[in-house]
Amino acid sequence: MTDIRVGLVGLDHWYSAIPLAEGIGGRDGVRLVGIADAEPARASELATRCGVDLVDKDWRALVEDPTVDAIISLVSPDRNAEVCRTAAEAGKHIISNKPLARTVAEATMVVAAVRRAGVRFLPAESRMRLGPRSQFLKRWIEQGRLGRLLSASLSIWAGLPRRWPDDPDPGWFVDPGRTAGGGWIDHAVYQVDMLRWLLGEEIVAVTGQTANLAYPELAVEDYGVATVTFAGGAVATLEDTWTAPGAGFQSSGTYVGSDGVYRMDGISDRSLILADFPPLQGWVQTALPGHHDQAADIDHWTASIRDEVEPVATVEDAWHNLASCLAFYESVRTGRTIEPEVAPW
């Protein structure tokens, strides 16, 4: 079997770029052949660790290389749409940064390019669907163990992001010219995608509020909370912040169904289940399934490129996730409940 030759474009999302680059090295059938980044020093550092010879400052060197089969684009959102569109036009399969773009118009052009080329496109935020905890919850919902999903309350408290592991400067993350928003969209885009996947429905209404609670000097929010309504009537609240002190990161979620409740507690790393079927009755506490291995997502991506599995998500998912998140910011701006843009296809 011929190796799928992968180029890594951009290290702006280093917390994904580093484990993905290192994880490719331990897998059969796929090979990391080049890294491009606007800061060659950090690209060279990662290339040395991963045994990669090709390092370039210009992302086009990898995207336009005919020997490269696929691209992982982890540049900042202001550049991501152009990278993904150009990669699709060059016939490259893609793992894309989140969010896909800064505007719906940019995202729409990427969707059109991916569709014309017929390449596989895996959104970064949708990779969470592959994790064991997400798969567990998806099975329970499909099996009807919670009944009809009525509501959800999801929260992620994080600290201020870093532009590089050893650099406390948040860099592009707080530059409104380079990203679609601040502390809310940074993690809410994952929650939006997860709920769309679990329910199999689109969001039809979004109401949002933002604040700068810990970092009043930022040009983007460090706190946001949204109420979102889905086509079938389910309602969810999504709270996402950069206000967690020190090592205070936590991620939790409660999913309330007509016949049961599932709660994931990210602090205790346990789950609470309210159910009434053997052997469960009443509230039961149990250990969560294993943690999500980012590098293992490469296996799914390459298998979908080879048409061995159906992709867990598509470029259209990335479009809908962005449209829903941008509706949040429009709600904040106008003080009204906003309906996300409707897909033009």
C-alpha atoms as a PDB file:
ATOM      1  CA  MET A   1       0.000   0.000   0.000  1.00  0.00           C
ATOM      2  CA  THR A   2       1.399   3.375  -1.029  1.00  0.00           C
ATOM      3  CA  ASP A   3       1.866   5.830   1.823  1.00  0.00           C
ATOM      4  CA  ILE A   4      -0.365   8.894   1.924  1.00  0.00           C
ATOM      5  CA  ARG A   5       2.094  11.794   1.913  1.00  0.00           C
ATOM      6  CA  VAL A   6       0.993  14.585   4.237  1.00  0.00           C
ATOM      7  CA  GLY A   7       2.086  18.214   4.506  1.00  0.00           C
ATOM      8  CA  LEU A   8       1.481  20.154   7.723  1.00  0.00           C
ATOM      9  CA  VAL A   9       0.625  23.792   6.986  1.00  0.00           C
ATOM     10  CA  GLY A  10       0.840  26.164   9.944  1.00  0.00           C
ATOM     11  CA  LEU A  11       1.552  25.712  13.635  1.00  0.00           C
ATOM     12  CA  ASP A  12      -0.757  28.440  14.918  1.00  0.00           C
ATOM     13  CA  HIS A  13      -2.901  25.730  16.507  1.00  0.00           C
ATOM     14  CA  TRP A  14       0.184  24.077  17.982  1.00  0.00           C
ATOM     15  CA  TYR A  15      -1.781  22.071  20.559  1.00  0.00           C
ATOM     16  CA  SER A  16      -3.180  20.048  17.648  1.00  0.00           C
ATOM     17  CA  ALA A  17      -0.263  20.386  15.239  1.00  0.00           C
ATOM     18  CA  ILE A  18       2.332  18.878  17.579  1.00  0.00           C
ATOM     19  CA  PRO A  19       0.430  15.675  18.582  1.00  0.00           C
ATOM     20  CA  LEU A  20      -0.749  15.126  15.003  1.00  0.00           C
ATOM     21  CA  ALA A  21       2.761  15.519  13.582  1.00  0.00           C
ATOM     22  CA  GLU A  22       4.248  13.221  16.202  1.00  0.00           C
ATOM     23  CA  GLY A  23       1.404  10.713  15.850  1.00  0.00           C
ATOM     24  CA  ILE A  24       1.808  10.314  12.095  1.00  0.00           C
ATOM     25  CA  GLY A  25       5.299   8.952  12.665  1.00  0.00           C
ATOM     26  CA  GLY A  26       3.957   5.894  14.482  1.00  0.00           C
ATOM     27  CA  ARG A  27       1.402   4.899  11.857  1.00  0.00           C
ATOM     28  CA  ASP A  28       1.552   2.677   8.782  1.00  0.00           C
ATOM     29  CA  GLY A  29       0.368   3.903   5.405  1.00  0.00           C
ATOM     30  CA  VAL A  30       0.870   7.617   6.059  1.00  0.00           C
ATOM     31  CA  ARG A  31       3.965   9.810   6.177  1.00  0.00           C
ATOM     32  CA  LEU A  32       4.605  13.414   7.154  1.00  0.00           C
ATOM     33  CA  VAL A  33       6.811  14.820   4.389  1.00  0.00           C
ATOM     34  CA  GLY A  34       6.895  18.561   5.079  1.00  0.00           C
ATOM     35  CA  ILE A  35       6.070  21.367   7.501  1.00  0.00           C
ATOM     36  CA  ALA A  36       5.394  24.962   6.469  1.00  0.00           C
ATOM     37  CA  ASP A  37       5.001  27.822   8.911  1.00  0.00           C
ATOM     38  CA  ALA A  38       5.420  31.593   8.856  1.00  0.00           C
ATOM     39  CA  GLU A  39       7.973  31.161  11.661  1.00  0.00           C
ATOM     40  CA  PRO A  40      10.608  28.760  10.257  1.00  0.00           C
ATOM     41  CA  ALA A  41      12.339  28.302  13.622  1.00  0.00           C
ATOM     42  CA  ARG A  42       9.399  26.582  15.237  1.00  0.00           C
ATOM     43  CA  ALA A  43       8.727  24.558  12.063  1.00  0.00           C
ATOM     44  CA  SER A  44      12.349  23.371  12.110  1.00  0.00           C
ATOM     45  CA  GLU A  45      12.064  22.452  15.789  1.00  0.00           C
ATOM     46  CA  LEU A  46       9.057  20.209  15.151  1.00  0.00           C
ATOM     47  CA  ALA A  47      10.522  18.819  11.909  1.00  0.00           C
ATOM     48  CA  THR A  48      13.656  17.705  13.739  1.00  0.00           C
ATOM     49  CA  ARG A  49      11.595  15.923  16.367  1.00  0.00           C
ATOM     50  CA  CYS A  50       9.521  14.168  13.685  1.00  0.00           C
ATOM     51  CA  GLY A  51      12.333  13.329  11.257  1.00  0.00           C
ATOM     52  CA  VAL A  52      10.969  15.571   8.486  1.00  0.00           C
ATOM     53  CA  ASP A  53      13.417  17.072   6.002  1.00  0.00           C
ATOM     54  CA  LEU A  54      11.250  19.586   4.138  1.00  0.00           C
ATOM     55  CA  VAL A  55      10.639  22.864   5.990  1.00  0.00           C
ATOM     56  CA  ASP A  56       9.362  25.998   4.285  1.00  0.00           C
ATOM     57  CA  LYS A  57       8.059  29.442   5.239  1.00  0.00           C
ATOM     58  CA  ASP A  58       5.605  29.507   2.327  1.00  0.00           C
ATOM     59  CA  TRP A  59       2.586  27.216   2.708  1.00  0.00           C
ATOM     60  CA  ARG A  60       2.133  27.071  -1.061  1.00  0.00           C
ATOM     61  CA  ALA A  61       5.350  25.036  -1.311  1.00  0.00           C
ATOM     62  CA  LEU A  62       3.470  22.096   0.235  1.00  0.00           C
ATOM     63  CA  VAL A  63      -0.015  22.748  -1.130  1.00  0.00           C
ATOM     64  CA  GLU A  64       1.236  22.962  -4.718  1.00  0.00           C
ATOM     65  CA  ASP A  65       3.729  20.075  -4.443  1.00  0.00           C
ATOM     66  CA  PRO A  66       2.402  17.283  -6.720  1.00  0.00           C
ATOM     67  CA  THR A  67       3.997  14.614  -4.503  1.00  0.00           C
ATOM     68  CA  VAL A  68       1.925  15.701  -1.465  1.00  0.00           C
ATOM     69  CA  ASP A  69      -1.423  13.911  -1.225  1.00  0.00           C
ATOM     70  CA  ALA A  70      -3.008  15.586   1.775  1.00  0.00           C
ATOM     71  CA  ILE A  71      -2.764  18.720   3.889  1.00  0.00           C
ATOM     72  CA  ILE A  72      -3.321  19.436   7.560  1.00  0.00           C
ATOM     73  CA  SER A  73      -4.078  23.159   7.781  1.00  0.00           C
ATOM     74  CA  LEU A  74      -3.612  24.606  11.262  1.00  0.00           C
ATOM     75  CA  VAL A  75      -3.045  28.239  10.394  1.00  0.00           C
ATOM     76  CA  SER A  76      -5.061  31.014  12.066  1.00  0.00           C
ATOM     77  CA  PRO A  77      -8.642  31.468  10.777  1.00  0.00           C
ATOM     78  CA  ASP A  78      -7.829  34.554   8.694  1.00  0.00           C
ATOM     79  CA  ARG A  79      -5.602  32.416   6.444  1.00  0.00           C
ATOM     80  CA  ASN A  80      -7.303  29.043   6.719  1.00  0.00           C
ATOM     81  CA  ALA A  81      -9.970  29.503   4.057  1.00  0.00           C
ATOM     82  CA  GLU A  82      -7.382  30.371   1.400  1.00  0.00           C
ATOM     83  CA  VAL A  83      -5.163  27.439   2.367  1.00  0.00           C
ATOM     84  CA  CYS A  84      -8.068  24.968   2.286  1.00  0.00           C
ATOM     85  CA  ARG A  85      -9.534  26.296  -0.956  1.00  0.00           C
ATOM     86  CA  THR A  86      -6.149  26.208  -2.691  1.00  0.00           C
ATOM     87  CA  ALA A  87      -5.436  22.722  -1.341  1.00  0.00           C
ATOM     88  CA  ALA A  88      -8.776  21.421  -2.616  1.00  0.00           C
ATOM     89  CA  GLU A  89      -8.168  22.957  -6.025  1.00  0.00           C
ATOM     90  CA  ALA A  90      -4.819  21.131  -6.067  1.00  0.00           C
ATOM     91  CA  GLY A  91      -6.598  17.837  -5.304  1.00  0.00           C
ATOM     92  CA  LYS A  92      -5.353  17.511  -1.713  1.00  0.00           C
ATOM     93  CA  HIS A  93      -7.351  15.871   1.056  1.00  0.00           C
ATOM     94  CA  ILE A  94      -7.680  18.136   4.081  1.00  0.00           C
ATOM     95  CA  ILE A  95      -7.829  18.272   7.848  1.00  0.00           C
ATOM     96  CA  SER A  96      -8.830  21.847   8.615  1.00  0.00           C
ATOM     97  CA  ASN A  97      -8.335  24.217  11.491  1.00  0.00           C
ATOM     98  CA  LYS A  98     -11.338  25.451  13.465  1.00  0.00           C
ATOM     99  CA  PRO A  99     -13.232  27.545  12.688  1.00  0.00           C
ATOM    100  CA  LEU A 100     -13.049  27.027   8.953  1.00  0.00           C
ATOM    101  CA  ALA A 101     -12.956  30.759   8.190  1.00  0.00           C
ATOM    102  CA  ARG A 102     -13.825  34.184   9.547  1.00  0.00           C
ATOM    103  CA  THR A 103     -16.920  34.672   7.386  1.00  0.00           C
ATOM    104  CA  VAL A 104     -19.659  32.547   5.867  1.00  0.00           C
ATOM    105  CA  ALA A 105     -18.710  33.820   2.404  1.00  0.00           C
ATOM    106  CA  GLU A 106     -15.148  32.515   2.797  1.00  0.00           C
ATOM    107  CA  ALA A 107     -16.443  29.186   4.095  1.00  0.00           C
ATOM    108  CA  THR A 108     -18.844  28.864   1.164  1.00  0.00           C
ATOM    109  CA  MET A 109     -15.972  29.176  -1.302  1.00  0.00           C
ATOM    110  CA  VAL A 110     -14.132  26.369   0.500  1.00  0.00           C
ATOM    111  CA  VAL A 111     -17.211  24.136   0.367  1.00  0.00           C
ATOM    112  CA  ALA A 112     -17.523  24.732  -3.378  1.00  0.00           C
ATOM    113  CA  ALA A 113     -13.842  23.929  -3.972  1.00  0.00           C
ATOM    114  CA  VAL A 114     -13.965  20.725  -1.900  1.00  0.00           C
ATOM    115  CA  ARG A 115     -17.110  19.556  -3.678  1.00  0.00           C
ATOM    116  CA  ARG A 116     -15.663  20.212  -7.129  1.00  0.00           C
ATOM    117  CA  ALA A 117     -12.461  18.354  -6.279  1.00  0.00           C
ATOM    118  CA  GLY A 118     -14.151  15.438  -4.503  1.00  0.00           C
ATOM    119  CA  VAL A 119     -11.493  15.389  -1.768  1.00  0.00           C
ATOM    120  CA  ARG A 120     -11.979  14.276   1.831  1.00  0.00           C
ATOM    121  CA  PHE A 121     -12.299  17.110   4.334  1.00  0.00           C
ATOM    122  CA  LEU A 122     -12.201  16.553   8.108  1.00  0.00           C
ATOM    123  CA  PRO A 123     -12.991  19.608  10.277  1.00  0.00           C
ATOM    124  CA  ALA A 124     -10.816  19.956  13.367  1.00  0.00           C
ATOM    125  CA  GLU A 125     -13.814  20.506  15.651  1.00  0.00           C
ATOM    126  CA  SER A 126     -15.523  17.362  14.328  1.00  0.00           C
ATOM    127  CA  ARG A 127     -12.587  15.170  15.299  1.00  0.00           C
ATOM    128  CA  MET A 128     -14.056  15.166  18.823  1.00  0.00           C
ATOM    129  CA  ARG A 129     -16.771  12.885  17.460  1.00  0.00           C
ATOM    130  CA  LEU A 130     -14.153  10.130  17.203  1.00  0.00           C
ATOM    131  CA  GLY A 131     -13.273  10.166  20.916  1.00  0.00           C
ATOM    132  CA  PRO A 132     -14.416   7.241  23.116  1.00  0.00           C
ATOM    133  CA  ARG A 133     -16.581   9.467  25.326  1.00  0.00           C
ATOM    134  CA  SER A 134     -18.369  10.991  22.353  1.00  0.00           C
ATOM    135  CA  GLN A 135     -18.879   7.579  20.773  1.00  0.00           C
ATOM    136  CA  PHE A 136     -20.296   6.243  24.052  1.00  0.00           C
ATOM    137  CA  LEU A 137     -22.810   9.074  24.324  1.00  0.00           C
ATOM    138  CA  LYS A 138     -23.763   8.781  20.651  1.00  0.00           C
ATOM    139  CA  ARG A 139     -24.509   5.051  21.088  1.00  0.00           C
ATOM    140  CA  TRP A 140     -26.668   5.709  24.146  1.00  0.00           C
ATOM    141  CA  ILE A 141     -28.704   8.343  22.346  1.00  0.00           C
ATOM    142  CA  GLU A 142     -29.132   6.148  19.249  1.00  0.00           C
ATOM    143  CA  GLN A 143     -30.198   3.233  21.469  1.00  0.00           C
ATOM    144  CA  GLY A 144     -32.824   5.449  23.098  1.00  0.00           C
ATOM    145  CA  ARG A 145     -31.395   5.018  26.583  1.00  0.00           C
ATOM    146  CA  LEU A 146     -31.966   8.673  27.403  1.00  0.00           C
ATOM    147  CA  GLY A 147     -35.207   8.919  25.470  1.00  0.00           C
ATOM    148  CA  ARG A 148     -35.598  12.048  23.372  1.00  0.00           C
ATOM    149  CA  LEU A 149     -32.849  14.585  24.030  1.00  0.00           C
ATOM    150  CA  LEU A 150     -34.546  17.671  25.465  1.00  0.00           C
ATOM    151  CA  SER A 151     -31.743  19.941  26.631  1.00  0.00           C
ATOM    152  CA  ALA A 152     -28.044  20.201  27.315  1.00  0.00           C
ATOM    153  CA  SER A 153     -25.754  22.440  29.344  1.00  0.00           C
ATOM    154  CA  LEU A 154     -22.093  22.465  28.304  1.00  0.00           C
ATOM    155  CA  SER A 155     -19.235  24.484  29.745  1.00  0.00           C
ATOM    156  CA  ILE A 156     -15.502  24.831  29.197  1.00  0.00           C
ATOM    157  CA  TRP A 157     -13.407  27.059  31.455  1.00  0.00           C
ATOM    158  CA  ALA A 158      -9.923  27.632  30.093  1.00  0.00           C
ATOM    159  CA  GLY A 159      -7.068  30.007  30.684  1.00  0.00           C
ATOM    160  CA  LEU A 160      -5.796  32.551  28.184  1.00  0.00           C
ATOM    161  CA  PRO A 161      -4.333  30.669  25.174  1.00  0.00           C
ATOM    162  CA  ARG A 162      -0.641  30.811  24.264  1.00  0.00           C
ATOM    163  CA  ARG A 163       0.830  31.464  20.832  1.00  0.00           C
ATOM    164  CA  TRP A 164       3.454  28.727  21.516  1.00  0.00           C
ATOM    165  CA  PRO A 165       3.892  26.268  24.416  1.00  0.00           C
ATOM    166  CA  ASP A 166       6.578  28.284  26.209  1.00  0.00           C
ATOM    167  CA  ASP A 167       5.295  31.747  25.243  1.00  0.00           C
ATOM    168  CA  PRO A 168       2.536  33.273  27.443  1.00  0.00           C
ATOM    169  CA  ASP A 169       1.709  35.865  24.776  1.00  0.00           C
ATOM    170  CA  PRO A 170      -1.736  34.909  23.347  1.00  0.00           C
ATOM    171  CA  GLY A 171      -0.731  36.322  19.952  1.00  0.00           C
ATOM    172  CA  TRP A 172      -3.232  35.868  17.129  1.00  0.00           C
ATOM    173  CA  PHE A 173      -5.866  34.324  19.429  1.00  0.00           C
ATOM    174  CA  VAL A 174      -6.788  37.807  20.701  1.00  0.00           C
ATOM    175  CA  ASP A 175      -6.418  39.682  17.404  1.00  0.00           C
ATOM    176  CA  PRO A 176      -9.923  40.405  16.000  1.00  0.00           C
ATOM    177  CA  GLY A 177      -8.370  40.812  12.562  1.00  0.00           C
ATOM    178  CA  ARG A 178      -7.169  37.227  12.568  1.00  0.00           C
ATOM    179  CA  THR A 179      -9.955  35.284  14.255  1.00  0.00           C
ATOM    180  CA  ALA A 180     -13.749  35.175  14.332  1.00  0.00           C
ATOM    181  CA  GLY A 181     -14.004  35.772  18.089  1.00  0.00           C
ATOM    182  CA  GLY A 182     -12.385  35.165  21.446  1.00  0.00           C
ATOM    183  CA  GLY A 183     -12.941  32.874  24.410  1.00  0.00           C
ATOM    184  CA  TRP A 184     -16.412  31.782  23.378  1.00  0.00           C
ATOM    185  CA  ILE A 185     -15.856  30.482  19.844  1.00  0.00           C
ATOM    186  CA  ASP A 186     -12.475  29.015  20.819  1.00  0.00           C
ATOM    187  CA  HIS A 187     -14.279  26.077  22.425  1.00  0.00           C
ATOM    188  CA  ALA A 188     -17.976  26.590  21.630  1.00  0.00           C
ATOM    189  CA  VAL A 189     -17.329  25.496  18.045  1.00  0.00           C
ATOM    190  CA  TYR A 190     -16.650  21.990  19.423  1.00  0.00           C
ATOM    191  CA  GLN A 191     -19.879  22.031  21.425  1.00  0.00           C
ATOM    192  CA  VAL A 192     -21.932  23.242  18.458  1.00  0.00           C
ATOM    193  CA  ASP A 193     -20.545  20.434  16.327  1.00  0.00           C
ATOM    194  CA  MET A 194     -21.112  17.814  19.030  1.00  0.00           C
ATOM    195  CA  LEU A 195     -24.751  18.747  19.537  1.00  0.00           C
ATOM    196  CA  ARG A 196     -25.471  18.933  15.804  1.00  0.00           C
ATOM    197  CA  TRP A 197     -24.019  15.419  15.488  1.00  0.00           C
ATOM    198  CA  LEU A 198     -25.832  13.962  18.514  1.00  0.00           C
ATOM    199  CA  LEU A 199     -29.198  15.395  17.518  1.00  0.00           C
ATOM    200  CA  GLY A 200     -28.817  15.140  13.746  1.00  0.00           C
ATOM    201  CA  GLU A 201     -30.378  18.598  13.515  1.00  0.00           C
ATOM    202  CA  GLU A 202     -29.365  22.147  12.733  1.00  0.00           C
ATOM    203  CA  ILE A 203     -29.461  25.124  15.058  1.00  0.00           C
ATOM    204  CA  VAL A 204     -32.342  27.484  14.227  1.00  0.00           C
ATOM    205  CA  ALA A 205     -31.919  30.216  16.860  1.00  0.00           C
ATOM    206  CA  VAL A 206     -29.023  31.648  18.885  1.00  0.00           C
ATOM    207  CA  THR A 207     -28.994  34.197  21.701  1.00  0.00           C
ATOM    208  CA  GLY A 208     -25.634  35.284  23.098  1.00  0.00           C
ATOM    209  CA  GLN A 209     -23.902  37.397  25.695  1.00  0.00           C
ATOM    210  CA  THR A 210     -20.191  38.179  26.074  1.00  0.00           C
ATOM    211  CA  ALA A 211     -18.035  39.960  28.614  1.00  0.00           C
ATOM    212  CA  ASN A 212     -14.433  40.667  29.527  1.00  0.00           C
ATOM    213  CA  LEU A 213     -14.270  39.500  33.117  1.00  0.00           C
ATOM    214  CA  ALA A 214     -10.621  38.595  33.655  1.00  0.00           C
ATOM    215  CA  TYR A 215      -8.947  40.489  30.801  1.00  0.00           C
ATOM    216  CA  PRO A 216     -10.720  43.826  30.214  1.00  0.00           C
ATOM    217  CA  GLU A 217      -7.869  44.976  27.981  1.00  0.00           C
ATOM    218  CA  LEU A 218      -8.543  42.354  25.290  1.00  0.00           C
ATOM    219  CA  ALA A 219     -10.142  43.311  21.971  1.00  0.00           C
ATOM    220  CA  VAL A 220     -12.088  40.013  22.042  1.00  0.00           C
ATOM    221  CA  GLU A 221     -14.234  38.487  24.788  1.00  0.00           C
ATOM    222  CA  ASP A 222     -12.868  36.241  27.525  1.00  0.00           C
ATOM    223  CA  TYR A 223     -16.366  35.062  28.513  1.00  0.00           C
ATOM    224  CA  GLY A 224     -19.393  34.036  26.482  1.00  0.00           C
ATOM    225  CA  VAL A 225     -22.644  32.165  27.034  1.00  0.00           C
ATOM    226  CA  ALA A 226     -25.192  31.164  24.410  1.00  0.00           C
ATOM    227  CA  THR A 227     -28.662  29.684  24.340  1.00  0.00           C
ATOM    228  CA  VAL A 228     -29.202  27.684  21.160  1.00  0.00           C
ATOM    229  CA  THR A 229     -32.365  26.054  19.882  1.00  0.00           C
ATOM    230  CA  PHE A 230     -32.395  23.132  17.464  1.00  0.00           C
ATOM    231  CA  ALA A 231     -34.872  22.355  14.706  1.00  0.00           C
ATOM    232  CA  GLY A 232     -36.569  19.634  16.784  1.00  0.00           C
ATOM    233  CA  GLY A 233     -37.016  21.915  19.796  1.00  0.00           C
ATOM    234  CA  ALA A 234     -34.076  20.874  21.995  1.00  0.00           C
ATOM    235  CA  VAL A 235     -32.393  23.768  23.819  1.00  0.00           C
ATOM    236  CA  ALA A 236     -28.781  24.004  25.002  1.00  0.00           C
ATOM    237  CA  THR A 237     -26.658  26.508  26.894  1.00  0.00           C
ATOM    238  CA  LEU A 238     -22.989  26.825  25.924  1.00  0.00           C
ATOM    239  CA  GLU A 239     -20.632  28.635  28.324  1.00  0.00           C
ATOM    240  CA  ASP A 240     -17.024  29.092  27.248  1.00  0.00           C
ATOM    241  CA  THR A 241     -14.355  31.221  28.859  1.00  0.00           C
ATOM    242  CA  TRP A 242     -10.709  32.147  29.147  1.00  0.00           C
ATOM    243  CA  THR A 243     -11.230  33.078  32.794  1.00  0.00           C
ATOM    244  CA  ALA A 244     -10.045  29.899  34.539  1.00  0.00           C
ATOM    245  CA  PRO A 245      -7.210  30.692  36.975  1.00  0.00           C
ATOM    246  CA  GLY A 246      -3.944  28.752  36.812  1.00  0.00           C
ATOM    247  CA  ALA A 247      -4.572  25.061  36.215  1.00  0.00           C
ATOM    248  CA  GLY A 248      -8.326  25.533  36.500  1.00  0.00           C
ATOM    249  CA  PHE A 249      -9.278  24.129  33.084  1.00  0.00           C
ATOM    250  CA  GLN A 250     -12.436  22.061  33.122  1.00  0.00           C
ATOM    251  CA  SER A 251     -14.912  20.710  30.621  1.00  0.00           C
ATOM    252  CA  SER A 252     -18.312  19.380  31.624  1.00  0.00           C
ATOM    253  CA  GLY A 253     -21.621  18.606  30.033  1.00  0.00           C
ATOM    254  CA  THR A 254     -25.118  17.546  31.043  1.00  0.00           C
ATOM    255  CA  TYR A 255     -27.481  15.968  28.521  1.00  0.00           C
ATOM    256  CA  VAL A 256     -31.096  15.702  29.653  1.00  0.00           C
ATOM    257  CA  GLY A 257     -33.389  13.262  27.896  1.00  0.00           C
ATOM    258  CA  SER A 258     -37.040  12.378  28.379  1.00  0.00           C
ATOM    259  CA  ASP A 259     -36.013   9.076  30.019  1.00  0.00           C
ATOM    260  CA  GLY A 260     -32.606   9.758  31.531  1.00  0.00           C
ATOM    261  CA  VAL A 261     -29.665  12.085  32.080  1.00  0.00           C
ATOM    262  CA  TYR A 262     -25.975  11.796  31.272  1.00  0.00           C
ATOM    263  CA  ARG A 263     -23.505  14.139  32.947  1.00  0.00           C
ATOM    264  CA  MET A 264     -19.780  14.245  32.235  1.00  0.00           C
ATOM    265  CA  ASP A 265     -17.774  15.850  35.055  1.00  0.00           C
ATOM    266  CA  GLY A 266     -14.402  16.955  33.754  1.00  0.00           C
ATOM    267  CA  ILE A 267     -13.039  17.774  37.212  1.00  0.00           C
ATOM    268  CA  SER A 268     -13.568  14.359  38.811  1.00  0.00           C
ATOM    269  CA  ASP A 269     -13.196  12.616  35.414  1.00  0.00           C
ATOM    270  CA  ARG A 270     -16.345  10.667  36.193  1.00  0.00           C
ATOM    271  CA  SER A 271     -19.787  10.440  34.665  1.00  0.00           C
ATOM    272  CA  LEU A 272     -23.168  10.520  36.385  1.00  0.00           C
ATOM    273  CA  ILE A 273     -26.052   8.666  34.778  1.00  0.00           C
ATOM    274  CA  LEU A 274     -29.721   8.871  35.704  1.00  0.00           C
ATOM    275  CA  ALA A 275     -31.412   5.816  34.239  1.00  0.00           C
ATOM    276  CA  ASP A 276     -34.090   3.237  34.901  1.00  0.00           C
ATOM    277  CA  PHE A 277     -33.118   0.028  33.129  1.00  0.00           C
ATOM    278  CA  PRO A 278     -31.147  -3.017  34.379  1.00  0.00           C
ATOM    279  CA  PRO A 279     -28.656  -2.850  35.958  1.00  0.00           C
ATOM    280  CA  LEU A 280     -29.060   0.918  36.429  1.00  0.00           C
ATOM    281  CA  GLN A 281     -31.645   2.583  38.620  1.00  0.00           C
ATOM    282  CA  GLY A 282     -31.512   6.160  39.837  1.00  0.00           C
ATOM    283  CA  TRP A 283     -28.255   8.118  39.838  1.00  0.00           C
ATOM    284  CA  VAL A 284     -25.158   6.017  39.186  1.00  0.00           C
ATOM    285  CA  GLN A 285     -21.559   7.250  39.104  1.00  0.00           C
ATOM    286  CA  THR A 286     -19.025   5.580  36.856  1.00  0.00           C
ATOM    287  CA  ALA A 287     -15.607   6.178  35.316  1.00  0.00           C
ATOM    288  CA  LEU A 288     -15.610   7.898  31.955  1.00  0.00           C
ATOM    289  CA  PRO A 289     -14.420   6.048  28.854  1.00  0.00           C
ATOM    290  CA  GLY A 290     -10.799   6.741  27.877  1.00  0.00           C
ATOM    291  CA  HIS A 291      -9.463  10.105  26.781  1.00  0.00           C
ATOM    292  CA  HIS A 292      -9.461  11.214  23.158  1.00  0.00           C
ATOM    293  CA  ASP A 293      -6.217  10.433  21.315  1.00  0.00           C
ATOM    294  CA  GLN A 294      -5.776  13.209  18.745  1.00  0.00           C
ATOM    295  CA  ALA A 295      -3.218  11.266  16.739  1.00  0.00           C
ATOM    296  CA  ALA A 296      -5.660   8.375  16.299  1.00  0.00           C
ATOM    297  CA  ASP A 297      -7.827  10.707  14.204  1.00  0.00           C
ATOM    298  CA  ILE A 298      -5.230  10.269  11.460  1.00  0.00           C
ATOM    299  CA  ASP A 299      -6.313   6.623  11.155  1.00  0.00           C
ATOM    300  CA  HIS A 300      -9.907   7.645  10.433  1.00  0.00           C
ATOM    301  CA  TRP A 301      -8.853  10.373   8.001  1.00  0.00           C
ATOM    302  CA  THR A 302      -6.574   8.090   5.989  1.00  0.00           C
ATOM    303  CA  ALA A 303      -9.148   5.281   5.979  1.00  0.00           C
ATOM    304  CA  SER A 304     -11.747   7.713   4.612  1.00  0.00           C
ATOM    305  CA  ILE A 305      -9.277   8.888   1.951  1.00  0.00           C
ATOM    306  CA  ARG A 306      -8.944   5.242   0.889  1.00  0.00           C
ATOM    307  CA  ASP A 307     -12.768   4.848   0.931  1.00  0.00           C
ATOM    308  CA  GLU A 308     -12.521   2.233   3.678  1.00  0.00           C
ATOM    309  CA  VAL A 309     -14.885   4.126   6.034  1.00  0.00           C
ATOM    310  CA  GLU A 310     -17.471   6.861   5.752  1.00  0.00           C
ATOM    311  CA  PRO A 311     -16.038  10.134   7.055  1.00  0.00           C
ATOM    312  CA  VAL A 312     -17.342  11.112  10.484  1.00  0.00           C
ATOM    313  CA  ALA A 313     -17.825  14.692   9.257  1.00  0.00           C
ATOM    314  CA  THR A 314     -17.554  16.821   6.121  1.00  0.00           C
ATOM    315  CA  VAL A 315     -16.790  20.332   4.947  1.00  0.00           C
ATOM    316  CA  GLU A 316     -20.519  21.068   5.167  1.00  0.00           C
ATOM    317  CA  ASP A 317     -20.331  20.420   8.921  1.00  0.00           C
ATOM    318  CA  ALA A 318     -17.555  22.990   9.203  1.00  0.00           C
ATOM    319  CA  TRP A 319     -19.749  25.487   7.324  1.00  0.00           C
ATOM    320  CA  HIS A 320     -22.753  24.949   9.624  1.00  0.00           C
ATOM    321  CA  ASN A 321     -20.592  25.153  12.742  1.00  0.00           C
ATOM    322  CA  LEU A 322     -19.169  28.501  11.641  1.00  0.00           C
ATOM    323  CA  ALA A 323     -22.572  29.873  10.630  1.00  0.00           C
ATOM    324  CA  SER A 324     -23.994  29.022  14.053  1.00  0.00           C
ATOM    325  CA  CYS A 325     -21.056  30.615  15.864  1.00  0.00           C
ATOM    326  CA  LEU A 326     -21.273  33.786  13.777  1.00  0.00           C
ATOM    327  CA  ALA A 327     -24.996  33.981  14.614  1.00  0.00           C
ATOM    328  CA  PHE A 328     -23.915  34.130  18.273  1.00  0.00           C
ATOM    329  CA  TYR A 329     -21.760  37.193  17.657  1.00  0.00           C
ATOM    330  CA  GLU A 330     -24.521  38.825  15.616  1.00  0.00           C
ATOM    331  CA  SER A 331     -26.852  38.269  18.569  1.00  0.00           C
ATOM    332  CA  VAL A 332     -24.335  39.908  20.907  1.00  0.00           C
ATOM    333  CA  ARG A 333     -24.000  42.861  18.528  1.00  0.00           C
ATOM    334  CA  THR A 334     -27.710  43.411  17.995  1.00  0.00           C
ATOM    335  CA  GLY A 335     -29.210  42.221  21.271  1.00  0.00           C
ATOM    336  CA  ARG A 336     -31.590  39.955  19.339  1.00  0.00           C
ATOM    337  CA  THR A 337     -32.083  36.226  18.842  1.00  0.00           C
ATOM    338  CA  ILE A 338     -30.510  35.311  15.497  1.00  0.00           C
ATOM    339  CA  GLU A 339     -31.234  32.502  13.042  1.00  0.00           C
ATOM    340  CA  PRO A 340     -28.001  31.151  11.511  1.00  0.00           C
ATOM    341  CA  GLU A 341     -27.553  31.538   7.771  1.00  0.00           C
ATOM    342  CA  VAL A 342     -29.158  28.796   5.718  1.00  0.00           C
ATOM    343  CA  ALA A 343     -26.805  26.694   3.595  1.00  0.00           C
ATOM    344  CA  PRO A 344     -26.914  27.724  -0.089  1.00  0.00           C
ATOM    345  CA  TRP A 345     -26.859  24.143  -1.372  1.00  0.00           C
END
